[in-house]
Amino acid sequence: MRFIVDECTGPYVAKWLRKQNHDVFSVFDDDRGSTDDDIIKKAYNENRVLITNDKDFGEKVYREKYPHKGIILLRLDNNKWKNRIEVLKKLLDNYQQDISNKFVVVTEKRIRFAV
């Protein structure tokens, strides 16, 4: 899959996804300081699923009506990089085919596909 990993989600997640043979653009590594508008537009234009911890992207999609190719919003109690990777691994192992063009909210205990 093609992903864009938000700066707040970090380089370890991007590195792990690359090791899983995904095509990854890391905002932290390649375009630090980008605005949310620029990130969501880049993800859409490049057909990438955005992975973020920033709930402002929910507002971009639902209030401002930005188009997207999929957003994974990590809402974790334990926000350490190892936990982010563990939660993403579970998501991708079970739902990879279902996340394109969806807004997915992920916690340690739950995966919710928002309408």
PDB file of N, CA and C in Angstrom:
ATOM      1  N   MET A   1       0.839  -1.189   0.000  1.00  0.00           N
ATOM      2  CA  MET A   1       0.000   0.000   0.000  1.00  0.00           C
ATOM      3  C   MET A   1       0.879   1.245   0.000  1.00  0.00           C
ATOM      4  N   ARG A   2       0.238   2.344  -0.321  1.00  0.00           N
ATOM      5  CA  ARG A   2       0.919   3.631  -0.316  1.00  0.00           C
ATOM      6  C   ARG A   2       0.428   4.439   0.894  1.00  0.00           C
ATOM      7  N   PHE A   3       1.388   4.866   1.722  1.00  0.00           N
ATOM      8  CA  PHE A   3       1.058   5.609   2.931  1.00  0.00           C
ATOM      9  C   PHE A   3       1.809   6.934   2.969  1.00  0.00           C
ATOM     10  N   ILE A   4       1.216   7.882   3.695  1.00  0.00           N
ATOM     11  CA  ILE A   4       1.936   9.069   4.131  1.00  0.00           C
ATOM     12  C   ILE A   4       1.824   9.063   5.651  1.00  0.00           C
ATOM     13  N   VAL A   5       2.960   9.122   6.326  1.00  0.00           N
ATOM     14  CA  VAL A   5       2.998   9.073   7.783  1.00  0.00           C
ATOM     15  C   VAL A   5       3.227  10.491   8.286  1.00  0.00           C
ATOM     16  N   ASP A   6       2.262  10.989   9.039  1.00  0.00           N
ATOM     17  CA  ASP A   6       2.317  12.353   9.560  1.00  0.00           C
ATOM     18  C   ASP A   6       3.521  12.528  10.487  1.00  0.00           C
ATOM     19  N   GLU A   7       3.964  13.758  10.580  1.00  0.00           N
ATOM     20  CA  GLU A   7       5.123  14.090  11.410  1.00  0.00           C
ATOM     21  C   GLU A   7       4.933  13.635  12.855  1.00  0.00           C
ATOM     22  N   CYS A   8       3.735  13.823  13.406  1.00  0.00           N
ATOM     23  CA  CYS A   8       3.483  13.458  14.801  1.00  0.00           C
ATOM     24  C   CYS A   8       3.478  11.948  15.027  1.00  0.00           C
ATOM     25  N   THR A   9       3.282  11.192  13.975  1.00  0.00           N
ATOM     26  CA  THR A   9       3.282   9.734  14.096  1.00  0.00           C
ATOM     27  C   THR A   9       4.703   9.191  14.101  1.00  0.00           C
ATOM     28  N   GLY A  10       5.599   9.875  13.437  1.00  0.00           N
ATOM     29  CA  GLY A  10       7.009   9.626  13.610  1.00  0.00           C
ATOM     30  C   GLY A  10       7.715   8.713  12.628  1.00  0.00           C
ATOM     31  N   PRO A  11       9.042   8.800  12.647  1.00  0.00           N
ATOM     32  CA  PRO A  11       9.868   8.068  11.686  1.00  0.00           C
ATOM     33  C   PRO A  11       9.935   6.565  11.931  1.00  0.00           C
ATOM     34  N   TYR A  12       9.732   6.108  13.159  1.00  0.00           N
ATOM     35  CA  TYR A  12       9.813   4.666  13.422  1.00  0.00           C
ATOM     36  C   TYR A  12       8.673   3.927  12.730  1.00  0.00           C
ATOM     37  N   VAL A  13       7.500   4.538  12.729  1.00  0.00           N
ATOM     38  CA  VAL A  13       6.358   3.930  12.040  1.00  0.00           C
ATOM     39  C   VAL A  13       6.637   3.859  10.543  1.00  0.00           C
ATOM     40  N   ALA A  14       7.143   4.948   9.985  1.00  0.00           N
ATOM     41  CA  ALA A  14       7.465   4.970   8.545  1.00  0.00           C
ATOM     42  C   ALA A  14       8.506   3.901   8.213  1.00  0.00           C
ATOM     43  N   LYS A  15       9.524   3.802   9.020  1.00  0.00           N
ATOM     44  CA  LYS A  15      10.583   2.817   8.788  1.00  0.00           C
ATOM     45  C   LYS A  15      10.019   1.391   8.852  1.00  0.00           C
ATOM     46  N   TRP A  16       9.164   1.119   9.836  1.00  0.00           N
ATOM     47  CA  TRP A  16       8.557  -0.204   9.961  1.00  0.00           C
ATOM     48  C   TRP A  16       7.696  -0.529   8.744  1.00  0.00           C
ATOM     49  N   LEU A  17       6.889   0.433   8.297  1.00  0.00           N
ATOM     50  CA  LEU A  17       6.046   0.210   7.120  1.00  0.00           C
ATOM     51  C   LEU A  17       6.885  -0.090   5.883  1.00  0.00           C
ATOM     52  N   ARG A  18       7.997   0.606   5.726  1.00  0.00           N
ATOM     53  CA  ARG A  18       8.888   0.332   4.585  1.00  0.00           C
ATOM     54  C   ARG A  18       9.416  -1.096   4.652  1.00  0.00           C
ATOM     55  N   LYS A  19       9.751  -1.545   5.852  1.00  0.00           N
ATOM     56  CA  LYS A  19      10.243  -2.923   6.009  1.00  0.00           C
ATOM     57  C   LYS A  19       9.168  -3.945   5.662  1.00  0.00           C
ATOM     58  N   GLN A  20       7.907  -3.528   5.719  1.00  0.00           N
ATOM     59  CA  GLN A  20       6.787  -4.396   5.337  1.00  0.00           C
ATOM     60  C   GLN A  20       6.476  -4.267   3.843  1.00  0.00           C
ATOM     61  N   ASN A  21       7.371  -3.597   3.115  1.00  0.00           N
ATOM     62  CA  ASN A  21       7.272  -3.423   1.653  1.00  0.00           C
ATOM     63  C   ASN A  21       6.160  -2.480   1.205  1.00  0.00           C
ATOM     64  N   HIS A  22       5.825  -1.507   2.046  1.00  0.00           N
ATOM     65  CA  HIS A  22       4.868  -0.480   1.658  1.00  0.00           C
ATOM     66  C   HIS A  22       5.626   0.715   1.086  1.00  0.00           C
ATOM     67  N   ASP A  23       4.963   1.462   0.239  1.00  0.00           N
ATOM     68  CA  ASP A  23       5.491   2.703  -0.328  1.00  0.00           C
ATOM     69  C   ASP A  23       5.123   3.809   0.660  1.00  0.00           C
ATOM     70  N   VAL A  24       6.127   4.426   1.293  1.00  0.00           N
ATOM     71  CA  VAL A  24       5.874   5.348   2.399  1.00  0.00           C
ATOM     72  C   VAL A  24       6.552   6.696   2.166  1.00  0.00           C
ATOM     73  N   PHE A  25       5.768   7.756   2.381  1.00  0.00           N
ATOM     74  CA  PHE A  25       6.313   9.106   2.453  1.00  0.00           C
ATOM     75  C   PHE A  25       6.211   9.527   3.906  1.00  0.00           C
ATOM     76  N   SER A  26       7.337   9.896   4.522  1.00  0.00           N
ATOM     77  CA  SER A  26       7.383  10.307   5.920  1.00  0.00           C
ATOM     78  C   SER A  26       7.489  11.826   6.002  1.00  0.00           C
ATOM     79  N   VAL A  27       6.464  12.461   6.561  1.00  0.00           N
ATOM     80  CA  VAL A  27       6.509  13.915   6.729  1.00  0.00           C
ATOM     81  C   VAL A  27       7.668  14.290   7.645  1.00  0.00           C
ATOM     82  N   PHE A  28       7.902  13.503   8.693  1.00  0.00           N
ATOM     83  CA  PHE A  28       8.993  13.781   9.627  1.00  0.00           C
ATOM     84  C   PHE A  28      10.337  13.812   8.904  1.00  0.00           C
ATOM     85  N   ASP A  29      10.569  12.845   8.032  1.00  0.00           N
ATOM     86  CA  ASP A  29      11.858  12.739   7.354  1.00  0.00           C
ATOM     87  C   ASP A  29      11.978  13.617   6.116  1.00  0.00           C
ATOM     88  N   ASP A  30      10.871  13.794   5.393  1.00  0.00           N
ATOM     89  CA  ASP A  30      10.970  14.378   4.059  1.00  0.00           C
ATOM     90  C   ASP A  30      10.326  15.745   3.880  1.00  0.00           C
ATOM     91  N   ASP A  31       9.484  16.183   4.816  1.00  0.00           N
ATOM     92  CA  ASP A  31       8.808  17.470   4.620  1.00  0.00           C
ATOM     93  C   ASP A  31       8.343  18.043   5.958  1.00  0.00           C
ATOM     94  N   ARG A  32       9.250  18.034   6.925  1.00  0.00           N
ATOM     95  CA  ARG A  32       8.920  18.476   8.275  1.00  0.00           C
ATOM     96  C   ARG A  32       8.362  19.894   8.265  1.00  0.00           C
ATOM     97  N   GLY A  33       7.335  20.110   9.063  1.00  0.00           N
ATOM     98  CA  GLY A  33       6.732  21.431   9.169  1.00  0.00           C
ATOM     99  C   GLY A  33       5.608  21.681   8.184  1.00  0.00           C
ATOM    100  N   SER A  34       5.251  20.678   7.378  1.00  0.00           N
ATOM    101  CA  SER A  34       4.143  20.825   6.429  1.00  0.00           C
ATOM    102  C   SER A  34       2.846  21.121   7.170  1.00  0.00           C
ATOM    103  N   THR A  35       1.963  21.874   6.535  1.00  0.00           N
ATOM    104  CA  THR A  35       0.658  22.151   7.129  1.00  0.00           C
ATOM    105  C   THR A  35      -0.257  20.946   6.924  1.00  0.00           C
ATOM    106  N   ASP A  36      -1.293  20.872   7.734  1.00  0.00           N
ATOM    107  CA  ASP A  36      -2.274  19.801   7.580  1.00  0.00           C
ATOM    108  C   ASP A  36      -2.910  19.856   6.192  1.00  0.00           C
ATOM    109  N   ASP A  37      -3.186  21.055   5.694  1.00  0.00           N
ATOM    110  CA  ASP A  37      -3.757  21.192   4.349  1.00  0.00           C
ATOM    111  C   ASP A  37      -2.836  20.579   3.302  1.00  0.00           C
ATOM    112  N   ASP A  38      -1.540  20.892   3.394  1.00  0.00           N
ATOM    113  CA  ASP A  38      -0.582  20.346   2.428  1.00  0.00           C
ATOM    114  C   ASP A  38      -0.490  18.831   2.524  1.00  0.00           C
ATOM    115  N   ILE A  39      -0.541  18.300   3.741  1.00  0.00           N
ATOM    116  CA  ILE A  39      -0.410  16.859   3.944  1.00  0.00           C
ATOM    117  C   ILE A  39      -1.615  16.118   3.371  1.00  0.00           C
ATOM    118  N   ILE A  40      -2.817  16.586   3.668  1.00  0.00           N
ATOM    119  CA  ILE A  40      -4.004  15.875   3.183  1.00  0.00           C
ATOM    120  C   ILE A  40      -4.122  15.983   1.667  1.00  0.00           C
ATOM    121  N   LYS A  41      -3.713  17.111   1.103  1.00  0.00           N
ATOM    122  CA  LYS A  41      -3.727  17.262  -0.358  1.00  0.00           C
ATOM    123  C   LYS A  41      -2.701  16.339  -1.011  1.00  0.00           C
ATOM    124  N   LYS A  42      -1.501  16.260  -0.427  1.00  0.00           N
ATOM    125  CA  LYS A  42      -0.461  15.392  -0.972  1.00  0.00           C
ATOM    126  C   LYS A  42      -0.919  13.927  -0.915  1.00  0.00           C
ATOM    127  N   ALA A  43      -1.484  13.535   0.205  1.00  0.00           N
ATOM    128  CA  ALA A  43      -1.962  12.158   0.344  1.00  0.00           C
ATOM    129  C   ALA A  43      -3.005  11.851  -0.726  1.00  0.00           C
ATOM    130  N   TYR A  44      -3.926  12.754  -0.943  1.00  0.00           N
ATOM    131  CA  TYR A  44      -4.975  12.542  -1.944  1.00  0.00           C
ATOM    132  C   TYR A  44      -4.382  12.494  -3.354  1.00  0.00           C
ATOM    133  N   ASN A  45      -3.556  13.481  -3.669  1.00  0.00           N
ATOM    134  CA  ASN A  45      -2.988  13.569  -5.021  1.00  0.00           C
ATOM    135  C   ASN A  45      -2.082  12.393  -5.368  1.00  0.00           C
ATOM    136  N   GLU A  46      -1.441  11.809  -4.358  1.00  0.00           N
ATOM    137  CA  GLU A  46      -0.526  10.694  -4.586  1.00  0.00           C
ATOM    138  C   GLU A  46      -1.156   9.337  -4.246  1.00  0.00           C
ATOM    139  N   ASN A  47      -2.466   9.341  -3.995  1.00  0.00           N
ATOM    140  CA  ASN A  47      -3.190   8.108  -3.699  1.00  0.00           C
ATOM    141  C   ASN A  47      -2.578   7.361  -2.512  1.00  0.00           C
ATOM    142  N   ARG A  48      -2.377   8.099  -1.408  1.00  0.00           N
ATOM    143  CA  ARG A  48      -1.786   7.533  -0.200  1.00  0.00           C
ATOM    144  C   ARG A  48      -2.785   7.570   0.957  1.00  0.00           C
ATOM    145  N   VAL A  49      -2.751   6.568   1.792  1.00  0.00           N
ATOM    146  CA  VAL A  49      -3.514   6.550   3.033  1.00  0.00           C
ATOM    147  C   VAL A  49      -2.679   7.298   4.074  1.00  0.00           C
ATOM    148  N   LEU A  50      -3.305   8.255   4.728  1.00  0.00           N
ATOM    149  CA  LEU A  50      -2.631   9.061   5.749  1.00  0.00           C
ATOM    150  C   LEU A  50      -2.729   8.371   7.102  1.00  0.00           C
ATOM    151  N   ILE A  51      -1.599   8.248   7.778  1.00  0.00           N
ATOM    152  CA  ILE A  51      -1.563   7.731   9.144  1.00  0.00           C
ATOM    153  C   ILE A  51      -1.160   8.881  10.046  1.00  0.00           C
ATOM    154  N   THR A  52      -1.990   9.170  11.062  1.00  0.00           N
ATOM    155  CA  THR A  52      -1.763  10.332  11.906  1.00  0.00           C
ATOM    156  C   THR A  52      -2.266  10.103  13.329  1.00  0.00           C
ATOM    157  N   ASN A  53      -1.785  10.928  14.235  1.00  0.00           N
ATOM    158  CA  ASN A  53      -2.301  10.997  15.605  1.00  0.00           C
ATOM    159  C   ASN A  53      -3.096  12.278  15.792  1.00  0.00           C
ATOM    160  N   ASP A  54      -3.184  13.085  14.755  1.00  0.00           N
ATOM    161  CA  ASP A  54      -3.744  14.436  14.817  1.00  0.00           C
ATOM    162  C   ASP A  54      -5.231  14.400  14.468  1.00  0.00           C
ATOM    163  N   LYS A  55      -6.090  14.606  15.474  1.00  0.00           N
ATOM    164  CA  LYS A  55      -7.528  14.529  15.226  1.00  0.00           C
ATOM    165  C   LYS A  55      -8.047  15.705  14.400  1.00  0.00           C
ATOM    166  N   ASP A  56      -7.219  16.707  14.132  1.00  0.00           N
ATOM    167  CA  ASP A  56      -7.633  17.806  13.252  1.00  0.00           C
ATOM    168  C   ASP A  56      -7.983  17.300  11.851  1.00  0.00           C
ATOM    169  N   PHE A  57      -7.450  16.160  11.460  1.00  0.00           N
ATOM    170  CA  PHE A  57      -7.772  15.631  10.139  1.00  0.00           C
ATOM    171  C   PHE A  57      -9.229  15.180  10.051  1.00  0.00           C
ATOM    172  N   GLY A  58      -9.832  14.838  11.172  1.00  0.00           N
ATOM    173  CA  GLY A  58     -11.264  14.548  11.180  1.00  0.00           C
ATOM    174  C   GLY A  58     -12.058  15.783  10.794  1.00  0.00           C
ATOM    175  N   GLU A  59     -11.646  16.922  11.304  1.00  0.00           N
ATOM    176  CA  GLU A  59     -12.296  18.180  10.929  1.00  0.00           C
ATOM    177  C   GLU A  59     -12.077  18.491   9.449  1.00  0.00           C
ATOM    178  N   LYS A  60     -10.878  18.243   8.965  1.00  0.00           N
ATOM    179  CA  LYS A  60     -10.585  18.480   7.538  1.00  0.00           C
ATOM    180  C   LYS A  60     -11.536  17.656   6.656  1.00  0.00           C
ATOM    181  N   VAL A  61     -11.778  16.414   7.031  1.00  0.00           N
ATOM    182  CA  VAL A  61     -12.600  15.518   6.219  1.00  0.00           C
ATOM    183  C   VAL A  61     -14.095  15.808   6.401  1.00  0.00           C
ATOM    184  N   TYR A  62     -14.540  15.913   7.647  1.00  0.00           N
ATOM    185  CA  TYR A  62     -15.976  15.974   7.898  1.00  0.00           C
ATOM    186  C   TYR A  62     -16.551  17.392   7.885  1.00  0.00           C
ATOM    187  N   ARG A  63     -15.802  18.354   8.337  1.00  0.00           N
ATOM    188  CA  ARG A  63     -16.318  19.723   8.351  1.00  0.00           C
ATOM    189  C   ARG A  63     -15.933  20.481   7.088  1.00  0.00           C
ATOM    190  N   GLU A  64     -14.657  20.353   6.692  1.00  0.00           N
ATOM    191  CA  GLU A  64     -14.164  21.109   5.539  1.00  0.00           C
ATOM    192  C   GLU A  64     -14.301  20.341   4.220  1.00  0.00           C
ATOM    193  N   LYS A  65     -14.719  19.074   4.311  1.00  0.00           N
ATOM    194  CA  LYS A  65     -15.017  18.246   3.131  1.00  0.00           C
ATOM    195  C   LYS A  65     -13.819  17.987   2.217  1.00  0.00           C
ATOM    196  N   TYR A  66     -12.627  17.873   2.791  1.00  0.00           N
ATOM    197  CA  TYR A  66     -11.454  17.505   1.995  1.00  0.00           C
ATOM    198  C   TYR A  66     -11.603  16.070   1.498  1.00  0.00           C
ATOM    199  N   PRO A  67     -11.317  15.827   0.240  1.00  0.00           N
ATOM    200  CA  PRO A  67     -11.316  14.441  -0.237  1.00  0.00           C
ATOM    201  C   PRO A  67     -10.070  13.723   0.291  1.00  0.00           C
ATOM    202  N   HIS A  68     -10.160  12.415   0.389  1.00  0.00           N
ATOM    203  CA  HIS A  68      -9.012  11.639   0.866  1.00  0.00           C
ATOM    204  C   HIS A  68      -9.056  10.251   0.258  1.00  0.00           C
ATOM    205  N   LYS A  69      -7.934   9.557   0.358  1.00  0.00           N
ATOM    206  CA  LYS A  69      -7.814   8.177  -0.120  1.00  0.00           C
ATOM    207  C   LYS A  69      -7.756   7.195   1.042  1.00  0.00           C
ATOM    208  N   GLY A  70      -8.024   7.703   2.230  1.00  0.00           N
ATOM    209  CA  GLY A  70      -8.002   6.890   3.440  1.00  0.00           C
ATOM    210  C   GLY A  70      -7.205   7.596   4.518  1.00  0.00           C
ATOM    211  N   ILE A  71      -7.731   7.548   5.740  1.00  0.00           N
ATOM    212  CA  ILE A  71      -7.036   8.132   6.887  1.00  0.00           C
ATOM    213  C   ILE A  71      -7.131   7.155   8.040  1.00  0.00           C
ATOM    214  N   ILE A  72      -6.000   6.894   8.663  1.00  0.00           N
ATOM    215  CA  ILE A  72      -5.942   6.085   9.877  1.00  0.00           C
ATOM    216  C   ILE A  72      -5.580   7.046  11.006  1.00  0.00           C
ATOM    217  N   LEU A  73      -6.526   7.242  11.916  1.00  0.00           N
ATOM    218  CA  LEU A  73      -6.319   8.115  13.068  1.00  0.00           C
ATOM    219  C   LEU A  73      -6.018   7.252  14.281  1.00  0.00           C
ATOM    220  N   LEU A  74      -4.814   7.368  14.806  1.00  0.00           N
ATOM    221  CA  LEU A  74      -4.396   6.616  15.987  1.00  0.00           C
ATOM    222  C   LEU A  74      -4.770   7.408  17.235  1.00  0.00           C
ATOM    223  N   ARG A  75      -5.674   6.869  18.053  1.00  0.00           N
ATOM    224  CA  ARG A  75      -6.100   7.497  19.306  1.00  0.00           C
ATOM    225  C   ARG A  75      -5.683   6.554  20.433  1.00  0.00           C
ATOM    226  N   LEU A  76      -4.404   6.598  20.774  1.00  0.00           N
ATOM    227  CA  LEU A  76      -3.821   5.605  21.672  1.00  0.00           C
ATOM    228  C   LEU A  76      -3.591   6.150  23.067  1.00  0.00           C
ATOM    229  N   ASP A  77      -3.816   5.318  24.078  1.00  0.00           N
ATOM    230  CA  ASP A  77      -3.462   5.677  25.452  1.00  0.00           C
ATOM    231  C   ASP A  77      -1.946   5.640  25.621  1.00  0.00           C
ATOM    232  N   ASN A  78      -1.328   4.616  25.048  1.00  0.00           N
ATOM    233  CA  ASN A  78       0.127   4.492  25.060  1.00  0.00           C
ATOM    234  C   ASN A  78       0.619   4.940  23.685  1.00  0.00           C
ATOM    235  N   ASN A  79       1.178   6.135  23.619  1.00  0.00           N
ATOM    236  CA  ASN A  79       1.554   6.715  22.332  1.00  0.00           C
ATOM    237  C   ASN A  79       3.027   6.473  21.971  1.00  0.00           C
ATOM    238  N   LYS A  80       3.660   5.527  22.625  1.00  0.00           N
ATOM    239  CA  LYS A  80       5.053   5.219  22.283  1.00  0.00           C
ATOM    240  C   LYS A  80       5.104   4.513  20.937  1.00  0.00           C
ATOM    241  N   TRP A  81       6.215   4.705  20.239  1.00  0.00           N
ATOM    242  CA  TRP A  81       6.318   4.200  18.868  1.00  0.00           C
ATOM    243  C   TRP A  81       6.107   2.695  18.761  1.00  0.00           C
ATOM    244  N   LYS A  82       6.572   1.937  19.734  1.00  0.00           N
ATOM    245  CA  LYS A  82       6.397   0.476  19.675  1.00  0.00           C
ATOM    246  C   LYS A  82       4.910   0.102  19.714  1.00  0.00           C
ATOM    247  N   ASN A  83       4.153   0.821  20.511  1.00  0.00           N
ATOM    248  CA  ASN A  83       2.719   0.554  20.582  1.00  0.00           C
ATOM    249  C   ASN A  83       2.023   0.979  19.288  1.00  0.00           C
ATOM    250  N   ARG A  84       2.435   2.087  18.715  1.00  0.00           N
ATOM    251  CA  ARG A  84       1.860   2.517  17.431  1.00  0.00           C
ATOM    252  C   ARG A  84       2.041   1.413  16.382  1.00  0.00           C
ATOM    253  N   ILE A  85       3.240   0.874  16.329  1.00  0.00           N
ATOM    254  CA  ILE A  85       3.530  -0.183  15.357  1.00  0.00           C
ATOM    255  C   ILE A  85       2.701  -1.437  15.650  1.00  0.00           C
ATOM    256  N   GLU A  86       2.602  -1.815  16.906  1.00  0.00           N
ATOM    257  CA  GLU A  86       1.824  -3.001  17.274  1.00  0.00           C
ATOM    258  C   GLU A  86       0.358  -2.846  16.864  1.00  0.00           C
ATOM    259  N   VAL A  87      -0.209  -1.681  17.120  1.00  0.00           N
ATOM    260  CA  VAL A  87      -1.609  -1.424  16.771  1.00  0.00           C
ATOM    261  C   VAL A  87      -1.785  -1.406  15.251  1.00  0.00           C
ATOM    262  N   LEU A  88      -0.871  -0.770  14.536  1.00  0.00           N
ATOM    263  CA  LEU A  88      -0.939  -0.750  13.069  1.00  0.00           C
ATOM    264  C   LEU A  88      -0.790  -2.148  12.483  1.00  0.00           C
ATOM    265  N   LYS A  89       0.080  -2.946  13.073  1.00  0.00           N
ATOM    266  CA  LYS A  89       0.264  -4.324  12.594  1.00  0.00           C
ATOM    267  C   LYS A  89      -1.053  -5.086  12.682  1.00  0.00           C
ATOM    268  N   LYS A  90      -1.744  -4.974  13.815  1.00  0.00           N
ATOM    269  CA  LYS A  90      -3.033  -5.650  13.976  1.00  0.00           C
ATOM    270  C   LYS A  90      -4.043  -5.148  12.947  1.00  0.00           C
ATOM    271  N   LEU A  91      -4.069  -3.841  12.741  1.00  0.00           N
ATOM    272  CA  LEU A  91      -4.991  -3.271  11.767  1.00  0.00           C
ATOM    273  C   LEU A  91      -4.709  -3.801  10.366  1.00  0.00           C
ATOM    274  N   LEU A  92      -3.451  -3.739   9.958  1.00  0.00           N
ATOM    275  CA  LEU A  92      -3.092  -4.161   8.600  1.00  0.00           C
ATOM    276  C   LEU A  92      -3.237  -5.671   8.411  1.00  0.00           C
ATOM    277  N   ASP A  93      -2.928  -6.446   9.435  1.00  0.00           N
ATOM    278  CA  ASP A  93      -3.083  -7.900   9.337  1.00  0.00           C
ATOM    279  C   ASP A  93      -4.542  -8.300   9.112  1.00  0.00           C
ATOM    280  N   ASN A  94      -5.463  -7.531   9.690  1.00  0.00           N
ATOM    281  CA  ASN A  94      -6.870  -7.916   9.654  1.00  0.00           C
ATOM    282  C   ASN A  94      -7.749  -7.113   8.691  1.00  0.00           C
ATOM    283  N   TYR A  95      -7.334  -5.879   8.361  1.00  0.00           N
ATOM    284  CA  TYR A  95      -8.225  -4.999   7.606  1.00  0.00           C
ATOM    285  C   TYR A  95      -7.547  -4.241   6.469  1.00  0.00           C
ATOM    286  N   GLN A  96      -6.372  -4.641   6.067  1.00  0.00           N
ATOM    287  CA  GLN A  96      -5.645  -3.889   5.044  1.00  0.00           C
ATOM    288  C   GLN A  96      -6.495  -3.641   3.800  1.00  0.00           C
ATOM    289  N   GLN A  97      -7.242  -4.626   3.379  1.00  0.00           N
ATOM    290  CA  GLN A  97      -8.050  -4.497   2.170  1.00  0.00           C
ATOM    291  C   GLN A  97      -9.234  -3.550   2.358  1.00  0.00           C
ATOM    292  N   ASP A  98      -9.541  -3.171   3.604  1.00  0.00           N
ATOM    293  CA  ASP A  98     -10.724  -2.355   3.890  1.00  0.00           C
ATOM    294  C   ASP A  98     -10.438  -0.887   4.183  1.00  0.00           C
ATOM    295  N   ILE A  99      -9.178  -0.464   4.235  1.00  0.00           N
ATOM    296  CA  ILE A  99      -8.892   0.889   4.721  1.00  0.00           C
ATOM    297  C   ILE A  99      -8.827   1.957   3.632  1.00  0.00           C
ATOM    298  N   SER A 100      -8.649   1.571   2.387  1.00  0.00           N
ATOM    299  CA  SER A 100      -8.602   2.575   1.323  1.00  0.00           C
ATOM    300  C   SER A 100      -9.927   3.326   1.270  1.00  0.00           C
ATOM    301  N   ASN A 101      -9.820   4.650   1.161  1.00  0.00           N
ATOM    302  CA  ASN A 101     -10.981   5.540   1.045  1.00  0.00           C
ATOM    303  C   ASN A 101     -11.874   5.555   2.283  1.00  0.00           C
ATOM    304  N   LYS A 102     -11.363   5.075   3.416  1.00  0.00           N
ATOM    305  CA  LYS A 102     -12.130   5.067   4.661  1.00  0.00           C
ATOM    306  C   LYS A 102     -11.413   5.938   5.702  1.00  0.00           C
ATOM    307  N   PHE A 103     -12.183   6.429   6.660  1.00  0.00           N
ATOM    308  CA  PHE A 103     -11.623   7.112   7.824  1.00  0.00           C
ATOM    309  C   PHE A 103     -11.702   6.103   8.956  1.00  0.00           C
ATOM    310  N   VAL A 104     -10.535   5.664   9.424  1.00  0.00           N
ATOM    311  CA  VAL A 104     -10.454   4.588  10.410  1.00  0.00           C
ATOM    312  C   VAL A 104      -9.868   5.149  11.706  1.00  0.00           C
ATOM    313  N   VAL A 105     -10.602   4.973  12.793  1.00  0.00           N
ATOM    314  CA  VAL A 105     -10.129   5.393  14.112  1.00  0.00           C
ATOM    315  C   VAL A 105      -9.701   4.140  14.859  1.00  0.00           C
ATOM    316  N   VAL A 106      -8.452   4.153  15.332  1.00  0.00           N
ATOM    317  CA  VAL A 106      -7.879   2.955  15.940  1.00  0.00           C
ATOM    318  C   VAL A 106      -7.414   3.262  17.358  1.00  0.00           C
ATOM    319  N   THR A 107      -7.842   2.422  18.298  1.00  0.00           N
ATOM    320  CA  THR A 107      -7.335   2.457  19.673  1.00  0.00           C
ATOM    321  C   THR A 107      -6.691   1.104  19.951  1.00  0.00           C
ATOM    322  N   GLU A 108      -6.171   0.939  21.142  1.00  0.00           N
ATOM    323  CA  GLU A 108      -5.601  -0.361  21.510  1.00  0.00           C
ATOM    324  C   GLU A 108      -6.667  -1.459  21.550  1.00  0.00           C
ATOM    325  N   LYS A 109      -7.913  -1.083  21.784  1.00  0.00           N
ATOM    326  CA  LYS A 109      -8.980  -2.071  21.974  1.00  0.00           C
ATOM    327  C   LYS A 109      -9.997  -2.121  20.844  1.00  0.00           C
ATOM    328  N   ARG A 110      -9.963  -1.123  19.954  1.00  0.00           N
ATOM    329  CA  ARG A 110     -11.062  -1.020  19.007  1.00  0.00           C
ATOM    330  C   ARG A 110     -10.611  -0.423  17.669  1.00  0.00           C
ATOM    331  N   ILE A 111     -11.271  -0.874  16.626  1.00  0.00           N
ATOM    332  CA  ILE A 111     -11.076  -0.312  15.288  1.00  0.00           C
ATOM    333  C   ILE A 111     -12.457   0.109  14.806  1.00  0.00           C
ATOM    334  N   ARG A 112     -12.578   1.400  14.454  1.00  0.00           N
ATOM    335  CA  ARG A 112     -13.879   1.914  14.037  1.00  0.00           C
ATOM    336  C   ARG A 112     -13.741   2.552  12.651  1.00  0.00           C
ATOM    337  N   PHE A 113     -14.560   2.091  11.734  1.00  0.00           N
ATOM    338  CA  PHE A 113     -14.620   2.671  10.407  1.00  0.00           C
ATOM    339  C   PHE A 113     -15.711   3.739  10.451  1.00  0.00           C
ATOM    340  N   ALA A 114     -15.281   5.010  10.439  1.00  0.00           N
ATOM    341  CA  ALA A 114     -16.235   6.116  10.557  1.00  0.00           C
ATOM    342  C   ALA A 114     -16.960   6.327   9.242  1.00  0.00           C
ATOM    343  N   VAL A 115     -18.174   6.761   9.353  1.00  0.00           N
ATOM    344  CA  VAL A 115     -18.996   7.025   8.165  1.00  0.00           C
ATOM    345  C   VAL A 115     -18.802   8.459   7.717  1.00  0.00           C
TER     346      VAL A 115
END
